[in-house]
Protein backbone atom coordinates (compact mmCIF):
# COMPACT_ATOMS: atom_id res chain seq x y z
CA UNK A 1 -0.32 0.16 -0.08
CA UNK A 2 2.83 2.30 -0.66
CA UNK A 3 1.12 4.52 -3.47
CA UNK A 4 -1.71 4.82 -1.08
CA UNK A 5 0.42 6.13 2.00
CA UNK A 6 2.06 8.87 -0.19
CA UNK A 7 0.92 12.47 -0.13
CA UNK A 8 -0.87 14.66 -2.92
CA UNK A 9 1.82 17.19 -3.94
CA UNK A 10 -2.30 19.05 -5.33
CA UNK A 11 -3.46 18.79 -1.54
CA UNK A 12 -0.21 19.89 -0.43
CA UNK A 13 -0.81 23.00 -2.19
CA UNK A 14 -3.94 23.53 -2.06
CA UNK A 15 -3.40 23.16 2.33
CA UNK A 16 -0.84 26.12 1.71
CA UNK A 17 -2.92 27.78 -1.06
CA UNK A 18 -6.34 28.28 2.07
CA UNK A 19 -4.28 29.53 4.95
CA UNK A 20 -2.89 31.92 2.14
CA UNK A 21 -5.82 33.16 0.96
CA UNK A 22 -7.13 33.70 4.54
CA UNK A 23 -4.72 35.58 5.66
CA UNK A 24 -5.07 37.31 2.50
CA UNK A 25 -8.44 38.37 3.34
CA UNK A 26 -7.49 39.70 6.89
CA UNK A 27 -5.00 42.19 5.37
CA UNK A 28 -7.97 43.35 2.77
CA UNK A 29 -9.84 43.77 5.62
CA UNK A 30 -7.38 46.00 7.52
CA UNK A 31 -6.26 47.75 4.48
CA UNK A 32 -9.87 48.57 2.68
CA UNK A 33 -11.29 49.69 6.24
CA UNK A 34 -8.14 52.36 6.70
CA UNK A 35 -8.63 53.39 2.57
CA UNK A 36 -12.31 53.49 2.33
CA UNK A 37 -14.85 56.11 4.16
CA UNK A 38 -14.81 54.66 8.11
CA UNK A 39 -18.84 54.45 8.06
CA UNK A 40 -17.73 51.19 5.28
CA UNK A 41 -16.07 49.07 7.79
CA UNK A 42 -18.81 46.39 8.35
CA UNK A 43 -19.26 46.51 4.63
CA UNK A 44 -15.88 45.33 4.02
CA UNK A 45 -16.05 42.44 6.85
CA UNK A 46 -19.63 41.43 5.65
CA UNK A 47 -17.95 40.59 2.16
CA UNK A 48 -14.42 39.21 3.32
CA UNK A 49 -17.17 36.65 5.43
CA UNK A 50 -18.37 36.25 2.29
CA UNK A 51 -15.15 35.35 0.44
CA UNK A 52 -14.43 32.31 3.40
CA UNK A 53 -17.83 31.13 3.21
CA UNK A 54 -17.81 30.23 -0.56
CA UNK A 55 -14.33 28.80 -0.44
CA UNK A 56 -16.13 26.46 2.30
CA UNK A 57 -19.36 25.98 0.63
CA UNK A 58 -17.13 25.11 -3.05
CA UNK A 59 -14.65 22.83 -0.65
CA UNK A 60 -18.14 21.04 0.82
CA UNK A 61 -19.66 20.56 -2.96
CA UNK A 62 -16.14 19.29 -4.99
CA UNK A 63 -16.19 16.35 -2.43
CA UNK A 64 -12.74 16.97 -2.03
CA UNK A 65 -10.38 16.26 1.31
CA UNK A 66 -9.13 19.67 2.06
CA UNK A 67 -8.91 20.14 5.84
CA UNK A 68 -11.08 23.93 6.21
CA UNK A 69 -11.10 24.21 9.88
CA UNK A 70 -8.15 27.21 9.58
CA UNK A 71 -10.82 29.34 7.52
CA UNK A 72 -13.51 28.15 9.23
CA UNK A 73 -11.77 30.06 12.42
CA UNK A 74 -11.27 32.99 10.19
CA UNK A 75 -15.12 33.20 8.51
CA UNK A 76 -15.81 33.11 12.58
CA UNK A 77 -13.60 35.32 13.79
CA UNK A 78 -14.34 37.98 11.02
CA UNK A 79 -18.31 37.30 12.02
CA UNK A 80 -17.84 38.23 15.27
CA UNK A 81 -15.92 41.07 14.56
CA UNK A 82 -19.05 42.37 12.66
CA UNK A 83 -20.71 41.87 15.03
CA UNK A 84 -19.18 43.07 17.97
CA UNK A 85 -18.66 46.30 16.20
CA UNK A 86 -22.03 46.73 15.22
CA UNK A 87 -23.79 46.27 18.45
CA UNK A 88 -21.32 48.48 19.96
CA UNK A 89 -22.17 51.33 18.38
CA UNK A 90 -26.26 50.19 18.82
CA UNK A 91 -24.95 50.34 22.20
CA UNK A 92 -23.64 53.52 22.07
CA UNK A 93 -26.00 55.48 20.18
CA UNK A 94 -28.99 53.99 22.76
CA UNK A 95 -27.07 55.85 25.32
CA UNK A 96 -26.06 52.28 26.85
CA UNK A 97 -22.59 53.38 28.03
CA UNK A 98 -20.09 55.21 25.84
CA UNK A 99 -17.08 54.40 24.30
CA UNK A 100 -14.08 56.12 22.50
CA UNK A 101 -14.90 57.73 19.05
CA UNK A 102 -11.92 55.18 18.05
CA UNK A 103 -13.97 52.01 18.35
CA UNK A 104 -16.61 53.58 16.44
CA UNK A 105 -17.09 53.37 12.90
CA UNK A 106 -19.32 56.21 12.66
CA UNK A 107 -16.81 57.99 13.46
CA UNK A 108 -13.03 59.37 12.23
CA UNK A 109 -10.45 57.54 12.86
CA UNK A 110 -12.18 54.33 13.29
CA UNK A 111 -9.48 51.83 14.39
CA UNK A 112 -10.49 48.32 13.42
CA UNK A 113 -7.81 46.45 14.59
CA UNK A 114 -8.52 47.70 18.37
CA UNK A 115 -11.40 44.76 18.07
CA UNK A 116 -10.71 42.67 15.12
CA UNK A 117 -7.51 41.59 17.20
CA UNK A 118 -8.62 40.16 20.43
CA UNK A 119 -11.92 38.99 18.94
CA UNK A 120 -9.97 36.64 16.59
CA UNK A 121 -7.77 35.53 19.16
CA UNK A 122 -10.79 34.90 21.78
CA UNK A 123 -12.54 32.98 18.64
CA UNK A 124 -9.42 30.64 17.34
CA UNK A 125 -8.47 29.65 21.18
CA UNK A 126 -12.28 28.72 21.43
CA UNK A 127 -11.88 26.71 18.01
CA UNK A 128 -8.29 25.59 18.84
CA UNK A 129 -9.79 24.24 22.23
CA UNK A 130 -12.37 22.09 20.28
CA UNK A 131 -10.61 21.44 17.88
CA UNK A 132 -11.51 17.40 18.08
CA UNK A 133 -15.46 18.42 18.71
CA UNK A 134 -16.69 21.09 16.48
CA UNK A 135 -18.89 19.54 13.46
CA UNK A 136 -15.98 21.22 10.70
CA UNK A 137 -13.92 18.46 12.11
CA UNK A 138 -16.25 15.86 12.38
CA UNK A 139 -17.73 15.81 8.88
CA UNK A 140 -14.54 16.32 7.74
CA UNK A 141 -13.22 13.09 9.44
CA UNK A 142 -16.65 10.96 8.09
CA UNK A 143 -16.35 12.05 4.48
CA UNK A 144 -12.27 11.47 4.52
CA UNK A 145 -11.99 9.03 6.79
CA UNK A 146 -9.65 6.78 4.73
CA UNK A 147 -7.72 9.51 4.83
CA UNK A 148 -7.06 9.79 7.97
CA UNK A 149 -5.41 6.30 8.32
CA UNK A 150 -2.48 7.51 5.85
CA UNK A 151 0.25 10.25 6.03
CA UNK A 152 -0.94 12.67 4.68
CA UNK A 153 -3.82 12.21 7.13
CA UNK A 154 -1.52 12.86 9.96
CA UNK A 155 0.34 15.35 8.53
CA UNK A 156 -2.49 17.44 7.76
CA UNK A 157 -4.29 16.91 11.23
CA UNK A 158 -1.01 18.03 12.69
CA UNK A 159 -0.17 21.13 10.93
CA UNK A 160 -3.99 22.73 10.94
CA UNK A 161 -3.69 22.29 14.52
CA UNK A 162 -0.25 24.17 13.73
CA UNK A 163 -1.80 26.81 12.15
CA UNK A 164 -4.65 27.53 14.37
CA UNK A 165 -1.98 27.92 16.94
CA UNK A 166 0.04 30.21 15.03
CA UNK A 167 -2.80 32.51 14.33
CA UNK A 168 -4.01 32.60 18.04
CA UNK A 169 -0.15 33.29 19.08
CA UNK A 170 -0.28 36.14 16.12
CA UNK A 171 -3.75 38.20 17.19
CA UNK A 172 -2.50 37.56 20.62
CA UNK A 173 0.41 39.39 20.43
CA UNK A 174 -1.19 42.14 17.55
CA UNK A 175 -3.74 42.51 20.25
CA UNK A 176 -1.13 43.35 23.45
CA UNK A 177 1.02 45.78 20.85
CA UNK A 178 -2.20 47.66 19.13
CA UNK A 179 -3.83 48.34 22.94
CA UNK A 180 -0.87 48.90 24.50
CA UNK A 181 0.47 51.25 22.04
CA UNK A 182 -3.56 53.03 21.92
CA UNK A 183 -3.60 53.04 25.90
CA UNK A 184 -0.21 54.68 26.42
CA UNK A 185 0.94 56.19 23.06
CA UNK A 186 -1.63 57.09 20.75
CA UNK A 187 -3.70 60.92 21.53
CA UNK A 188 -6.80 60.98 20.34
CA UNK A 189 -6.57 64.65 19.02
CA UNK A 190 -4.69 63.26 15.96
CA UNK A 191 -3.65 60.45 13.99
CA UNK A 192 -0.10 60.44 12.43
CA UNK A 193 1.80 58.22 10.33
CA UNK A 194 3.23 56.16 13.05
CA UNK A 195 -0.36 55.65 14.52
CA UNK A 196 -0.92 54.51 10.98
CA UNK A 197 2.35 52.43 10.77
CA UNK A 198 1.44 50.77 14.33
CA UNK A 199 -2.59 50.60 13.22
CA UNK A 200 -2.65 49.19 9.49
CA UNK A 201 1.03 48.81 8.66
CA UNK A 202 2.57 46.50 11.79
CA UNK A 203 -0.71 44.79 11.18
CA UNK A 204 -0.11 44.32 7.41
CA UNK A 205 3.66 42.86 7.59
CA UNK A 206 3.34 40.83 10.22
CA UNK A 207 0.75 39.01 8.44
CA UNK A 208 2.68 38.98 5.31
CA UNK A 209 5.93 37.50 6.75
CA UNK A 210 3.65 34.71 8.49
CA UNK A 211 3.00 34.01 5.11
CA UNK A 212 6.72 34.02 4.32
CA UNK A 213 7.38 31.63 7.53
CA UNK A 214 4.66 28.97 5.97
CA UNK A 215 6.02 29.18 2.50
CA UNK A 216 9.40 28.44 3.57
CA UNK A 217 7.55 25.64 5.83
CA UNK A 218 6.26 23.56 3.18
CA UNK A 219 8.02 24.27 0.89
CA UNK A 220 10.77 22.54 3.52
CA UNK A 221 7.79 19.36 4.14
CA UNK A 222 7.97 19.25 0.51
CA UNK A 223 11.52 18.64 0.15
CA UNK A 224 11.16 16.05 3.14
CA UNK A 225 8.77 14.14 1.51
CA UNK A 226 10.19 13.91 -2.09
CA UNK A 227 14.01 13.04 -0.58
CA UNK A 228 11.72 10.01 1.39
CA UNK A 229 9.52 9.37 -1.54
CA UNK A 230 6.41 10.03 -0.26
CA UNK A 231 5.01 12.59 -2.72
CA UNK A 232 2.82 11.29 -5.55
CA UNK A 233 2.25 14.00 -8.26
CA UNK A 234 -0.70 14.53 -10.33
CA UNK A 235 1.15 13.11 -13.44
CA UNK A 236 1.58 9.97 -11.33
CA UNK A 237 -2.13 9.89 -10.44
CA UNK A 238 -3.05 10.53 -13.78
CA UNK A 239 -0.93 7.13 -14.78
CA UNK A 240 -1.56 5.16 -12.19
CA UNK A 241 -4.01 1.73 -12.74
CA UNK A 242 -7.02 0.99 -10.51
CA UNK A 243 -5.95 -0.81 -7.30
CA UNK A 244 -8.17 -2.32 -5.09
CA UNK A 245 -6.96 -2.95 -2.00
CA UNK A 246 -8.40 -5.93 0.78
CA UNK A 247 -8.62 -6.20 4.08
CA UNK A 248 -10.03 -9.54 5.89
CA UNK A 249 -10.75 -9.75 9.66
CA UNK A 250 -10.69 -13.41 10.23
CA UNK A 251 -13.00 -14.25 13.29
CA UNK A 252 -13.75 -17.33 15.07
CA UNK A 253 -15.69 -17.39 17.69
CA UNK A 254 -14.75 -14.35 20.33
CA UNK A 255 -11.00 -14.24 18.83
CA UNK A 256 -10.12 -12.32 16.19
CA UNK A 257 -6.41 -13.69 14.14
CA UNK A 258 -3.55 -11.01 14.14
CA UNK A 259 -0.12 -10.36 13.45
CA UNK A 260 1.47 -8.91 16.48
CA UNK A 261 4.55 -8.42 14.50
CA UNK A 262 3.54 -6.37 11.62
CA UNK A 263 6.09 -3.63 10.54
CA UNK A 264 4.66 -0.43 9.67
CA UNK A 265 6.89 2.10 8.24
CA UNK A 266 4.46 4.73 9.12
CA UNK A 267 4.75 4.39 12.39
CA UNK A 268 8.37 4.71 12.31
CA UNK A 269 9.31 0.74 11.42
CA UNK A 270 7.55 -0.49 15.09
CA UNK A 271 6.24 -3.84 15.21
CA UNK A 272 2.25 -3.57 15.47
CA UNK A 273 -0.81 -5.35 15.65
CA UNK A 274 -2.79 -5.98 12.12
CA UNK A 275 -4.53 -8.13 10.34
CA UNK A 276 -2.32 -10.54 8.13
CA UNK A 277 -4.96 -11.50 5.67
CA UNK A 278 -4.54 -8.04 3.41
CA UNK A 279 -3.70 -8.13 -0.64
CA UNK A 280 -4.35 -6.27 -3.61
CA UNK A 281 -5.77 -6.70 -7.20
CA UNK A 282 -5.02 -4.15 -10.31
CA UNK A 283 -8.49 -3.74 -10.86
CA UNK A 284 -11.38 -1.37 -9.99
CA UNK A 285 -13.97 -3.36 -7.63
CA UNK A 286 -13.90 -7.24 -6.94
CA UNK A 287 -16.65 -9.58 -7.90
CA UNK A 288 -17.81 -11.07 -4.44
CA UNK A 289 -16.90 -14.45 -5.67
CA UNK A 290 -13.38 -14.10 -6.43
CA UNK A 291 -13.06 -12.63 -3.07
CA UNK A 292 -14.52 -15.68 -1.45
CA UNK A 293 -12.14 -17.56 -3.51
CA UNK A 294 -9.20 -15.20 -1.99
CA UNK A 295 -10.04 -15.88 1.44
CA UNK A 296 -10.43 -19.08 1.42
CA UNK A 297 -7.52 -19.61 -0.35
CA UNK A 298 -5.61 -17.57 2.25
CA UNK A 299 -6.80 -18.90 5.47
CA UNK A 300 -7.22 -22.59 3.51
CA UNK A 301 -10.45 -22.63 5.36
CA UNK A 302 -13.71 -23.32 2.63
CA UNK A 303 -16.68 -23.39 5.23
CA UNK A 304 -16.15 -19.79 6.64
CA UNK A 305 -19.14 -17.09 6.34
CA UNK A 306 -17.86 -14.44 4.37
CA UNK A 307 -19.44 -10.24 5.52
CA UNK A 308 -18.73 -7.55 3.92
CA UNK A 309 -17.84 -5.02 6.23
CA UNK A 310 -17.44 -1.25 4.67
CA UNK A 311 -15.39 0.20 1.90
CA UNK A 312 -14.12 3.49 0.71
CA UNK A 313 -12.06 4.70 -2.15
CA UNK A 314 -9.25 7.07 -1.89
CA UNK A 315 -10.53 10.63 -1.08
CA UNK A 316 -7.54 11.83 -3.51
CA UNK A 317 -6.69 9.31 -5.32
CA UNK A 318 -10.22 8.06 -7.05
CA UNK A 319 -8.77 5.10 -8.60
CA UNK A 320 -7.67 3.42 -4.81
CA UNK A 321 -10.17 2.01 -2.80
CA UNK A 322 -10.18 -0.09 0.64
CA UNK A 323 -12.68 -2.63 1.07
CA UNK A 324 -12.91 -4.61 4.53
CA UNK A 325 -14.36 -8.21 4.73
CA UNK A 326 -15.03 -10.35 7.82
CA UNK A 327 -14.60 -13.74 7.83
CA UNK A 328 -16.13 -15.89 10.48
CA UNK A 329 -14.89 -19.34 10.82
CA UNK A 330 -16.96 -22.11 12.63
CA UNK A 331 -15.53 -24.13 15.71
CA UNK A 332 -13.13 -22.85 18.15
CA UNK A 333 -9.97 -21.08 17.81
CA UNK A 334 -7.97 -24.42 18.89
CA UNK A 335 -9.17 -25.66 15.50
CA UNK A 336 -7.30 -23.52 13.63
CA UNK A 337 -3.71 -23.35 15.19
CA UNK A 338 -1.82 -24.10 11.61
CA UNK A 339 -2.73 -21.17 10.05
CA UNK A 340 -1.14 -20.87 6.78
CA UNK A 341 0.29 -17.23 7.46
CA UNK A 342 1.82 -16.15 10.22
CA UNK A 343 -0.53 -14.78 13.67
CA UNK A 344 -2.25 -15.95 16.66
CA UNK A 345 -5.88 -15.88 17.68
CA UNK A 346 -6.42 -13.55 19.93
CA UNK A 347 -9.17 -13.03 22.82
CA UNK A 348 -11.28 -10.06 21.38
CA UNK A 349 -11.50 -8.58 25.11
CA UNK A 350 -7.47 -8.32 25.00
CA UNK A 351 -7.77 -6.31 21.80
CA UNK A 352 -10.41 -4.37 23.02
CA UNK A 353 -7.92 -3.64 26.23
CA UNK A 354 -5.17 -3.04 23.16
CA UNK A 355 -7.36 -0.63 21.78
CA UNK A 356 -7.89 1.44 24.64
CA UNK A 357 -4.40 1.91 26.95
CA UNK A 358 -1.90 1.31 24.41
CA UNK A 359 -3.77 2.13 20.78
CA UNK A 360 -0.33 2.69 18.98
CA UNK A 361 0.69 -0.93 19.67
CA UNK A 362 -2.38 -0.78 16.15
CA UNK A 363 -1.58 -0.45 13.12
CA UNK A 364 -3.89 3.03 12.25
CA UNK A 365 -5.95 0.91 9.74
CA UNK A 366 -6.69 -1.33 12.79
CA UNK A 367 -7.90 1.29 14.70
CA UNK A 368 -9.87 2.65 12.71
CA UNK A 369 -11.68 0.14 11.49
CA UNK A 370 -12.10 -1.26 15.18
CA UNK A 371 -13.58 2.50 15.70
CA UNK A 372 -16.31 2.82 13.05
CA UNK A 373 -17.21 -0.54 14.41
CA UNK A 374 -17.50 -0.01 18.04
CA UNK A 375 -19.22 3.30 17.33
CA UNK A 376 -21.82 1.68 15.20
CA UNK A 377 -22.87 -1.27 17.54
CA UNK A 378 -22.55 1.05 20.61
CA UNK A 379 -24.60 3.75 19.45
CA UNK A 380 -27.41 1.33 17.79
CA UNK A 381 -27.36 -0.34 21.43
CA UNK A 382 -27.87 3.39 23.17
CA UNK A 383 -29.99 5.07 20.92
CA UNK A 384 -32.88 5.10 18.29
CA UNK A 385 -32.82 6.24 14.66
CA UNK A 386 -34.12 9.97 16.10
CA UNK A 387 -30.82 9.92 18.70
CA UNK A 388 -33.14 9.62 21.71
CA UNK A 389 -32.08 6.97 24.51
CA UNK A 390 -33.70 3.81 24.26
CA UNK A 391 -34.01 3.66 27.92
CA UNK A 392 -33.18 6.88 30.49
CA UNK A 393 -30.46 5.87 32.26
CA UNK A 394 -27.53 8.05 30.80
CA UNK A 395 -25.21 5.68 33.27
CA UNK A 396 -25.63 3.00 30.56
CA UNK A 397 -22.72 1.93 29.03
CA UNK A 398 -23.10 -1.38 27.08
CA UNK A 399 -19.88 -3.31 25.74
CA UNK A 400 -19.55 -5.76 22.47
CA UNK A 401 -17.98 -8.57 21.29
CA UNK A 402 -17.73 -10.26 18.19
CA UNK A 403 -20.87 -12.57 18.63
CA UNK A 404 -22.61 -9.55 18.25
CA UNK A 405 -20.67 -8.31 15.16
CA UNK A 406 -21.51 -11.80 13.50
CA UNK A 407 -25.44 -11.70 14.67
CA UNK A 408 -25.64 -8.18 14.01
CA UNK A 409 -28.32 -7.07 10.92
CA UNK A 410 -26.50 -3.50 10.69
CA UNK A 411 -25.27 -2.01 7.98
CA UNK A 412 -21.47 -0.52 8.55
CA UNK A 413 -20.96 1.07 5.17
CA UNK A 414 -24.28 3.07 6.14
CA UNK A 415 -23.17 6.24 8.22
CA UNK A 416 -25.89 6.70 9.73
CA UNK A 417 -25.12 5.47 13.27
CA UNK A 418 -22.01 7.50 13.12
CA UNK A 419 -23.63 10.84 12.42
CA UNK A 420 -26.25 9.92 15.28
CA UNK A 421 -22.94 9.08 17.69
CA UNK A 422 -22.12 12.85 16.57
CA UNK A 423 -25.72 14.18 17.20
CA UNK A 424 -28.11 12.81 19.54
CA UNK A 425 -30.13 13.62 22.87
CA UNK A 426 -27.04 13.29 25.04
CA UNK A 427 -25.80 16.70 23.16
CA UNK A 428 -25.53 20.02 24.91
CA UNK A 429 -28.90 21.92 24.21
CA UNK A 430 -30.12 18.76 21.73
CA UNK A 431 -33.59 20.27 21.41
CA UNK A 432 -32.64 23.40 20.09
CA UNK A 433 -29.99 22.74 17.68
CA UNK A 434 -32.49 19.98 16.50
CA UNK A 435 -35.07 22.57 15.57
CA UNK A 436 -32.72 24.92 14.30
CA UNK A 437 -30.87 21.46 12.21
CA UNK A 438 -34.39 20.63 11.06
CA UNK A 439 -35.27 16.79 9.83
CA UNK A 440 -31.94 15.28 9.17
CA UNK A 441 -31.32 13.69 5.80
CA UNK A 442 -30.29 9.53 6.51
CA UNK A 443 -28.42 8.20 3.75
CA UNK A 444 -25.79 5.51 2.93
CA UNK A 445 -22.57 6.32 2.14
CA UNK A 446 -22.33 3.96 -0.81
CA UNK A 447 -18.86 5.72 -2.64
CA UNK A 448 -17.80 2.59 -4.38
CA UNK A 449 -19.35 -0.34 -6.81
CA UNK A 450 -18.93 -3.59 -4.16
C-alpha cells in the first residue's frame, strides 16, 4: 500500500493556498477599512466573510478532502468582529454606555485592529480548544475517513492545529501591541503616520511575514517528503492504474486472528498489531465470488462465512479503493492452530484492552476499523434512529463482542449511526439544535461499487 500512503502534491498545495487566502482576506479587511470611508468597515467585513464562506462551500460541494478548519476559524472571527462592531455602535447610540470614538465605525478615525485582534484571538482560541469536537472537523473526518489512516492525514491534522495555534498567538501578540500603544502612546486628538504604522502597516507586515514563514515551512516539508519518496504528483496519479485493496478480519468464536509483529513504516517501523490477511488487485472492484476465493486460499478454510464490512475510495486518489470483509470461521480457535499465515488468535477482550489503553501498538487502519465497528454497534444499542436514548439511564454503558458483530443485522457501510453518535440526545442543548437543524437527511454513503 505504498502509493496509498503517499502525499498528494495538489492536496499539499491546496492546504497552503487556503491559509494564504485566509491571511490575505484579513490583510484586505485592515487595508481597505483604512482606505474607504470609516462607515464602510462593516460592509468590508461582510464581503470578506462572504469570500471565506464561498471557500468552505466550494470545498463542501466539490467533495474534496481539504482541511478547512483554519478558514472556518477565520470566518467566525470576521463574523464575530462584524457583530461586535455593529453592536457597540448600537449600544452607544442607545446611550447604554459610552466608548472612545476610535472604537465606533460611525466616527473618524475608526481603528478596526483594536476590535478585530482580541475578537479573533478569543474566537480562534475557543476553536483550537474544541478542535476535536467541532462539527467541521467531525464532518471532514466522516467524509475523508480513509485519509486519516495515511501519512497525509497525520500531516494535515498536525499542520492544521499548528496553523490555528500560530494564528492565535499572532492575534494575541497584535492585541497586546495595539492596545498598549493605544493606551500609553496614542493621542486621540489626531492620528499621525506613526499611528497608521502601528494600527495598519505593522499589522499587514506581520501577516505578510507569517505568510513567508509558511511558504518556507511547506516548501521544506515538500522537499523532505520528496526525498523520502512520500510524494505523489498529479501526473503519477493520472498514470496510476486502478487498484483495489482487500483487508480481511478472520474471526472465530470471540477471537480474531492478528499479526503482532507487523512492521509499519508509517509508525517508525515499529511492530504493531494488524490483520495479516491483506492483498491487492490491479482492478476497479472485485466480484464477491473472487473475494471469497481469495480468503479461502489465504486461510485454507472453505466453510467460513464471508460478510462485507465496509469500503471507501481514497478521497484524493480516485482510482484506489479499500474493501474490508469479515470471515467468520466455525468451531473454536483451537481448531485452527496451524494457519498458513503468520499470526495468532487473540481474544477480543484483549484487543479492546489494547485499543483503549495502548492504541499505539495497533496499525492505524486497524484502529480506524475497530473505532467504526464499536461506534456503530454501541450507538445502535444506546439510541434509536431519532437520536433519543432507548432507556432513560444515562450511565448505561453497553459493551459488545464478536458474537454481536456476527449476529448484527446492521449495515456497517451506512454512516447513519456514526452521525447519530455525533449528534444525539446527550448533546448539550439537543432540542434547540435539532429544531434549527431541521429533519436530518439520513442516507447510506455508498461511494464505491462493490
